[in-house]
């Protein structure tokens, strides 16, 4: 299933992440999942929120550079081997994964995998 991801660059210094979170909170936007990767000078936050348009608007108004990306999500059983089954389908289709992150649902029975592929449409077909 396709989803909209918000990406922003944060300076690698104190209070950057909290400023981002406060902007979303003030707008009433809930973060479903978030990934933060760092380098020497900046971090890249990738996240999915409950109201994509409202989240982008709130972050832009707070002065953050916002990038919108289409990603593919897949539900998997939250148990050993759940991700391996999905990976087997993707391997058979020959799709290249650029990056991925995941989150477990509250019940503990399922998890959501978030992927960025070279070819999202091909990956979606493989996962259908």
N, C-alpha and C. Protein backbone atom coordinates (compact mmCIF):
# COMPACT_ATOMS: atom_id res chain seq x y z
N UNK A 1 0.85 -1.17 0.00
CA UNK A 1 0.00 0.00 0.00
C UNK A 1 0.90 1.24 0.00
N UNK A 2 0.57 2.20 -0.83
CA UNK A 2 1.34 3.44 -0.89
C UNK A 2 0.97 4.34 0.28
N UNK A 3 1.96 5.08 0.76
CA UNK A 3 1.76 6.06 1.82
C UNK A 3 2.61 7.27 1.51
N UNK A 4 2.25 8.40 2.10
CA UNK A 4 3.03 9.63 1.97
C UNK A 4 3.94 9.75 3.18
N UNK A 5 5.21 9.96 2.90
CA UNK A 5 6.21 10.14 3.95
C UNK A 5 6.67 11.59 3.92
N UNK A 6 6.90 12.14 5.10
CA UNK A 6 7.47 13.48 5.24
C UNK A 6 8.92 13.31 5.65
N UNK A 7 9.82 13.99 4.95
CA UNK A 7 11.23 14.00 5.31
C UNK A 7 11.66 15.43 5.56
N UNK A 8 12.46 15.63 6.60
CA UNK A 8 13.02 16.95 6.85
C UNK A 8 14.47 16.79 7.29
N UNK A 9 15.26 17.80 7.00
CA UNK A 9 16.64 17.84 7.45
C UNK A 9 16.69 18.68 8.72
N UNK A 10 17.38 18.16 9.73
CA UNK A 10 17.55 18.89 10.98
C UNK A 10 19.04 19.11 11.22
N UNK A 11 19.38 20.31 11.67
CA UNK A 11 20.76 20.54 12.05
C UNK A 11 21.11 19.62 13.22
N UNK A 12 22.32 19.14 13.24
CA UNK A 12 22.75 18.23 14.30
C UNK A 12 23.17 19.05 15.51
N UNK A 13 22.14 19.57 16.23
CA UNK A 13 22.36 20.36 17.43
C UNK A 13 21.13 20.23 18.33
N UNK A 14 21.26 20.60 19.61
CA UNK A 14 20.15 20.44 20.55
C UNK A 14 18.88 21.18 20.12
N UNK A 15 17.77 20.61 20.50
CA UNK A 15 16.43 21.18 20.39
C UNK A 15 15.84 21.18 18.98
N UNK A 16 16.51 20.59 18.00
CA UNK A 16 15.95 20.54 16.65
C UNK A 16 14.79 19.56 16.57
N UNK A 17 14.98 18.37 17.09
CA UNK A 17 13.91 17.36 17.04
C UNK A 17 12.71 17.80 17.87
N UNK A 18 12.96 18.39 19.03
CA UNK A 18 11.83 18.83 19.86
C UNK A 18 11.05 19.94 19.17
N UNK A 19 11.73 20.83 18.45
CA UNK A 19 11.02 21.88 17.71
C UNK A 19 10.10 21.30 16.66
N UNK A 20 10.58 20.27 15.97
CA UNK A 20 9.76 19.61 14.97
C UNK A 20 8.53 18.97 15.63
N UNK A 21 8.76 18.28 16.73
CA UNK A 21 7.65 17.62 17.44
C UNK A 21 6.64 18.64 17.97
N UNK A 22 7.12 19.75 18.48
CA UNK A 22 6.22 20.79 19.00
C UNK A 22 5.37 21.39 17.88
N UNK A 23 5.95 21.59 16.70
CA UNK A 23 5.18 22.13 15.57
C UNK A 23 4.05 21.19 15.19
N UNK A 24 4.34 19.90 15.15
CA UNK A 24 3.29 18.92 14.81
C UNK A 24 2.24 18.84 15.92
N UNK A 25 2.69 18.86 17.16
CA UNK A 25 1.76 18.80 18.29
C UNK A 25 0.81 19.99 18.29
N UNK A 26 1.35 21.17 18.07
CA UNK A 26 0.51 22.38 18.06
C UNK A 26 -0.54 22.33 16.97
N UNK A 27 -0.24 21.64 15.88
CA UNK A 27 -1.19 21.51 14.77
C UNK A 27 -2.13 20.32 14.95
N UNK A 28 -1.95 19.56 16.03
CA UNK A 28 -2.81 18.40 16.28
C UNK A 28 -2.50 17.22 15.38
N UNK A 29 -1.24 17.11 14.92
CA UNK A 29 -0.82 16.04 14.02
C UNK A 29 -0.09 14.97 14.82
N UNK A 30 -0.52 13.73 14.67
CA UNK A 30 0.08 12.61 15.38
C UNK A 30 1.09 11.89 14.49
N UNK A 31 2.26 11.58 15.05
CA UNK A 31 3.29 10.83 14.33
C UNK A 31 3.00 9.35 14.49
N UNK A 32 2.81 8.65 13.37
CA UNK A 32 2.59 7.20 13.43
C UNK A 32 3.90 6.45 13.57
N UNK A 33 4.91 6.88 12.82
CA UNK A 33 6.24 6.28 12.90
C UNK A 33 7.27 7.30 12.47
N UNK A 34 8.50 7.13 12.96
CA UNK A 34 9.56 8.08 12.69
C UNK A 34 10.89 7.36 12.66
N UNK A 35 11.74 7.78 11.74
CA UNK A 35 13.11 7.27 11.66
C UNK A 35 14.03 8.48 11.61
N UNK A 36 15.12 8.44 12.38
CA UNK A 36 16.09 9.53 12.38
C UNK A 36 17.47 8.95 12.10
N UNK A 37 18.10 9.42 11.03
CA UNK A 37 19.46 9.01 10.69
C UNK A 37 20.33 10.26 10.76
N UNK A 38 21.56 10.09 11.20
CA UNK A 38 22.41 11.26 11.36
C UNK A 38 23.66 11.21 10.51
N UNK A 39 24.25 12.37 10.34
CA UNK A 39 25.58 12.52 9.76
C UNK A 39 26.29 13.55 10.64
N UNK A 40 27.45 13.99 10.23
CA UNK A 40 28.21 14.92 11.06
C UNK A 40 27.47 16.24 11.28
N UNK A 41 26.79 16.74 10.25
CA UNK A 41 26.21 18.08 10.34
C UNK A 41 24.69 18.14 10.44
N UNK A 42 24.01 17.07 10.03
CA UNK A 42 22.56 17.13 10.03
C UNK A 42 21.97 15.73 10.22
N UNK A 43 20.68 15.70 10.51
CA UNK A 43 19.93 14.46 10.59
C UNK A 43 18.82 14.48 9.57
N UNK A 44 18.41 13.32 9.14
CA UNK A 44 17.27 13.20 8.24
C UNK A 44 16.16 12.48 9.00
N UNK A 45 15.06 13.18 9.18
CA UNK A 45 13.89 12.59 9.82
C UNK A 45 12.94 12.16 8.72
N UNK A 46 12.53 10.90 8.78
CA UNK A 46 11.51 10.38 7.87
C UNK A 46 10.36 9.92 8.75
N UNK A 47 9.15 10.34 8.40
CA UNK A 47 8.01 9.99 9.24
C UNK A 47 6.73 9.89 8.45
N UNK A 48 5.80 9.15 9.02
CA UNK A 48 4.44 9.07 8.51
C UNK A 48 3.56 9.60 9.63
N UNK A 49 2.66 10.50 9.27
CA UNK A 49 1.77 11.12 10.25
C UNK A 49 0.32 10.85 9.88
N UNK A 50 -0.58 11.14 10.82
CA UNK A 50 -1.99 10.83 10.58
C UNK A 50 -2.67 11.81 9.61
N UNK A 51 -2.11 13.00 9.43
CA UNK A 51 -2.67 13.96 8.49
C UNK A 51 -1.49 14.58 7.73
N UNK A 52 -1.19 14.00 6.59
CA UNK A 52 -0.01 14.37 5.82
C UNK A 52 0.00 15.85 5.44
N UNK A 53 -1.08 16.34 4.86
CA UNK A 53 -1.13 17.73 4.39
C UNK A 53 -0.98 18.71 5.55
N UNK A 54 -1.68 18.44 6.63
CA UNK A 54 -1.61 19.31 7.81
C UNK A 54 -0.21 19.28 8.43
N UNK A 55 0.41 18.10 8.43
CA UNK A 55 1.77 17.97 8.96
C UNK A 55 2.78 18.75 8.14
N UNK A 56 2.70 18.62 6.82
CA UNK A 56 3.60 19.36 5.93
C UNK A 56 3.44 20.86 6.13
N UNK A 57 2.19 21.31 6.21
CA UNK A 57 1.92 22.73 6.39
C UNK A 57 2.48 23.24 7.72
N UNK A 58 2.26 22.50 8.79
CA UNK A 58 2.75 22.91 10.12
C UNK A 58 4.27 22.99 10.15
N UNK A 59 4.93 22.01 9.55
CA UNK A 59 6.39 22.00 9.54
C UNK A 59 6.95 23.13 8.68
N UNK A 60 6.34 23.38 7.54
CA UNK A 60 6.79 24.47 6.67
C UNK A 60 6.63 25.81 7.37
N UNK A 61 5.49 26.01 8.03
CA UNK A 61 5.25 27.27 8.75
C UNK A 61 6.23 27.45 9.91
N UNK A 62 6.73 26.34 10.46
CA UNK A 62 7.71 26.41 11.55
C UNK A 62 9.14 26.58 11.03
N UNK A 63 9.28 26.66 9.70
CA UNK A 63 10.59 26.92 9.12
C UNK A 63 11.39 25.71 8.70
N UNK A 64 10.77 24.55 8.69
CA UNK A 64 11.47 23.34 8.27
C UNK A 64 11.31 23.12 6.77
N UNK A 65 12.37 22.66 6.13
CA UNK A 65 12.31 22.28 4.72
C UNK A 65 11.69 20.89 4.64
N UNK A 66 10.56 20.79 3.98
CA UNK A 66 9.78 19.55 3.94
C UNK A 66 9.89 18.90 2.57
N UNK A 67 10.16 17.61 2.57
CA UNK A 67 10.19 16.83 1.33
C UNK A 67 9.13 15.74 1.46
N UNK A 68 8.28 15.61 0.45
CA UNK A 68 7.25 14.59 0.45
C UNK A 68 7.68 13.45 -0.47
N UNK A 69 7.53 12.23 0.01
CA UNK A 69 7.96 11.05 -0.74
C UNK A 69 6.88 9.98 -0.68
N UNK A 70 6.68 9.28 -1.78
CA UNK A 70 5.82 8.11 -1.77
C UNK A 70 6.63 6.91 -1.29
N UNK A 71 6.08 6.18 -0.35
CA UNK A 71 6.69 4.96 0.15
C UNK A 71 5.66 3.84 0.10
N UNK A 72 6.14 2.62 0.25
CA UNK A 72 5.26 1.45 0.24
C UNK A 72 5.25 0.87 1.65
N UNK A 73 4.06 0.57 2.14
CA UNK A 73 3.95 -0.07 3.45
C UNK A 73 3.40 -1.49 3.28
N UNK A 74 3.80 -2.35 4.18
CA UNK A 74 3.33 -3.74 4.16
C UNK A 74 3.07 -4.20 5.59
N UNK A 75 1.94 -4.84 5.81
CA UNK A 75 1.63 -5.42 7.12
C UNK A 75 2.24 -6.82 7.17
N UNK A 76 2.87 -7.12 8.29
CA UNK A 76 3.47 -8.44 8.47
C UNK A 76 3.12 -8.95 9.86
N UNK A 77 3.10 -10.26 10.04
CA UNK A 77 2.91 -10.79 11.38
C UNK A 77 4.10 -10.39 12.25
N UNK A 78 3.82 -9.95 13.47
CA UNK A 78 4.88 -9.54 14.40
C UNK A 78 5.38 -10.79 15.12
N UNK A 79 6.19 -11.56 14.39
CA UNK A 79 6.76 -12.81 14.91
C UNK A 79 8.03 -13.12 14.13
N UNK A 80 8.86 -14.00 14.63
CA UNK A 80 10.05 -14.37 13.87
C UNK A 80 9.68 -14.89 12.48
N UNK A 81 10.34 -14.37 11.47
CA UNK A 81 10.08 -14.79 10.10
C UNK A 81 9.10 -13.92 9.34
N UNK A 82 8.39 -13.03 10.05
CA UNK A 82 7.40 -12.18 9.38
C UNK A 82 8.03 -11.34 8.28
N UNK A 83 9.13 -10.69 8.59
CA UNK A 83 9.79 -9.86 7.59
C UNK A 83 10.46 -10.72 6.52
N UNK A 84 10.97 -11.86 6.91
CA UNK A 84 11.64 -12.75 5.95
C UNK A 84 10.69 -13.16 4.83
N UNK A 85 9.42 -13.39 5.15
CA UNK A 85 8.43 -13.77 4.14
C UNK A 85 8.22 -12.66 3.12
N UNK A 86 8.17 -11.43 3.60
CA UNK A 86 8.02 -10.28 2.71
C UNK A 86 9.27 -10.12 1.84
N UNK A 87 10.43 -10.28 2.45
CA UNK A 87 11.69 -10.12 1.72
C UNK A 87 11.81 -11.15 0.60
N UNK A 88 11.31 -12.36 0.84
CA UNK A 88 11.35 -13.39 -0.20
C UNK A 88 10.57 -12.96 -1.43
N UNK A 89 9.39 -12.38 -1.22
CA UNK A 89 8.58 -11.89 -2.34
C UNK A 89 9.31 -10.78 -3.10
N UNK A 90 9.93 -9.88 -2.35
CA UNK A 90 10.65 -8.77 -2.98
C UNK A 90 11.89 -9.27 -3.73
N UNK A 91 12.57 -10.25 -3.16
CA UNK A 91 13.74 -10.84 -3.82
C UNK A 91 13.34 -11.48 -5.16
N UNK A 92 12.23 -12.24 -5.15
CA UNK A 92 11.77 -12.88 -6.38
C UNK A 92 11.45 -11.84 -7.46
N UNK A 93 10.95 -10.68 -7.05
CA UNK A 93 10.60 -9.64 -8.01
C UNK A 93 11.82 -8.84 -8.45
N UNK A 94 12.92 -8.98 -7.74
CA UNK A 94 14.15 -8.28 -8.12
C UNK A 94 14.11 -6.78 -7.89
N UNK A 95 13.37 -6.34 -6.86
CA UNK A 95 13.31 -4.91 -6.57
C UNK A 95 14.44 -4.49 -5.63
N UNK A 96 14.90 -3.27 -5.80
CA UNK A 96 15.97 -2.74 -4.96
C UNK A 96 15.37 -1.87 -3.86
N UNK A 97 15.74 -2.17 -2.62
CA UNK A 97 15.27 -1.40 -1.47
C UNK A 97 16.30 -0.31 -1.18
N UNK A 98 15.84 0.95 -1.18
CA UNK A 98 16.74 2.07 -0.86
C UNK A 98 16.88 2.21 0.65
N UNK A 99 15.76 2.15 1.38
CA UNK A 99 15.79 2.16 2.84
C UNK A 99 14.47 1.62 3.36
N UNK A 100 14.47 1.29 4.65
CA UNK A 100 13.28 0.75 5.28
C UNK A 100 13.31 1.04 6.77
N UNK A 101 12.15 1.09 7.37
CA UNK A 101 12.00 1.14 8.82
C UNK A 101 10.66 0.50 9.16
N UNK A 102 10.42 0.24 10.42
CA UNK A 102 9.23 -0.51 10.79
C UNK A 102 8.69 -0.04 12.13
N UNK A 103 7.44 -0.43 12.39
CA UNK A 103 6.85 -0.19 13.70
C UNK A 103 5.81 -1.26 13.99
N UNK A 104 5.73 -1.64 15.25
CA UNK A 104 4.75 -2.64 15.67
C UNK A 104 3.44 -1.94 16.03
N UNK A 105 2.34 -2.58 15.73
CA UNK A 105 1.04 -2.06 16.13
C UNK A 105 0.82 -2.38 17.60
N UNK A 106 -0.06 -1.64 18.23
CA UNK A 106 -0.27 -1.76 19.66
C UNK A 106 -0.60 -3.16 20.15
N UNK A 107 -1.27 -3.94 19.36
CA UNK A 107 -1.69 -5.26 19.81
C UNK A 107 -0.54 -6.26 19.86
N UNK A 108 0.55 -5.98 19.14
CA UNK A 108 1.68 -6.90 19.11
C UNK A 108 1.51 -8.05 18.15
N UNK A 109 0.40 -8.08 17.41
CA UNK A 109 0.19 -9.19 16.48
C UNK A 109 0.67 -8.85 15.07
N UNK A 110 0.80 -7.56 14.76
CA UNK A 110 1.24 -7.15 13.44
C UNK A 110 2.24 -6.02 13.54
N UNK A 111 3.03 -5.89 12.49
CA UNK A 111 3.94 -4.76 12.36
C UNK A 111 3.75 -4.18 10.97
N UNK A 112 4.16 -2.94 10.82
CA UNK A 112 4.11 -2.27 9.53
C UNK A 112 5.54 -2.01 9.09
N UNK A 113 5.88 -2.46 7.89
CA UNK A 113 7.18 -2.18 7.30
C UNK A 113 6.99 -1.03 6.32
N UNK A 114 7.90 -0.08 6.34
CA UNK A 114 7.88 1.06 5.43
C UNK A 114 9.11 0.94 4.54
N UNK A 115 8.90 1.01 3.23
CA UNK A 115 9.99 0.84 2.28
C UNK A 115 10.03 1.99 1.27
N UNK A 116 11.23 2.33 0.85
CA UNK A 116 11.44 3.15 -0.33
C UNK A 116 12.19 2.26 -1.33
N UNK A 117 11.63 2.14 -2.52
CA UNK A 117 12.20 1.28 -3.56
C UNK A 117 12.63 2.12 -4.75
N UNK A 118 13.48 1.55 -5.59
CA UNK A 118 13.78 2.17 -6.89
C UNK A 118 12.53 2.19 -7.76
N UNK A 119 11.67 1.17 -7.60
CA UNK A 119 10.45 1.05 -8.40
C UNK A 119 9.31 0.65 -7.46
N UNK A 120 8.61 1.64 -6.91
CA UNK A 120 7.52 1.37 -5.96
C UNK A 120 6.39 0.55 -6.57
N UNK A 121 6.05 0.81 -7.83
CA UNK A 121 4.95 0.08 -8.48
C UNK A 121 5.28 -1.41 -8.59
N UNK A 122 6.51 -1.73 -8.99
CA UNK A 122 6.93 -3.13 -9.10
C UNK A 122 6.89 -3.81 -7.74
N UNK A 123 7.32 -3.10 -6.71
CA UNK A 123 7.31 -3.67 -5.36
C UNK A 123 5.88 -3.90 -4.88
N UNK A 124 4.99 -2.96 -5.16
CA UNK A 124 3.59 -3.13 -4.77
C UNK A 124 2.97 -4.36 -5.43
N UNK A 125 3.27 -4.57 -6.69
CA UNK A 125 2.78 -5.75 -7.40
C UNK A 125 3.30 -7.02 -6.76
N UNK A 126 4.57 -7.02 -6.39
CA UNK A 126 5.19 -8.21 -5.76
C UNK A 126 4.55 -8.51 -4.41
N UNK A 127 4.13 -7.48 -3.69
CA UNK A 127 3.58 -7.66 -2.36
C UNK A 127 2.07 -7.93 -2.37
N UNK A 128 1.41 -7.70 -3.52
CA UNK A 128 -0.05 -7.85 -3.59
C UNK A 128 -0.47 -9.30 -3.39
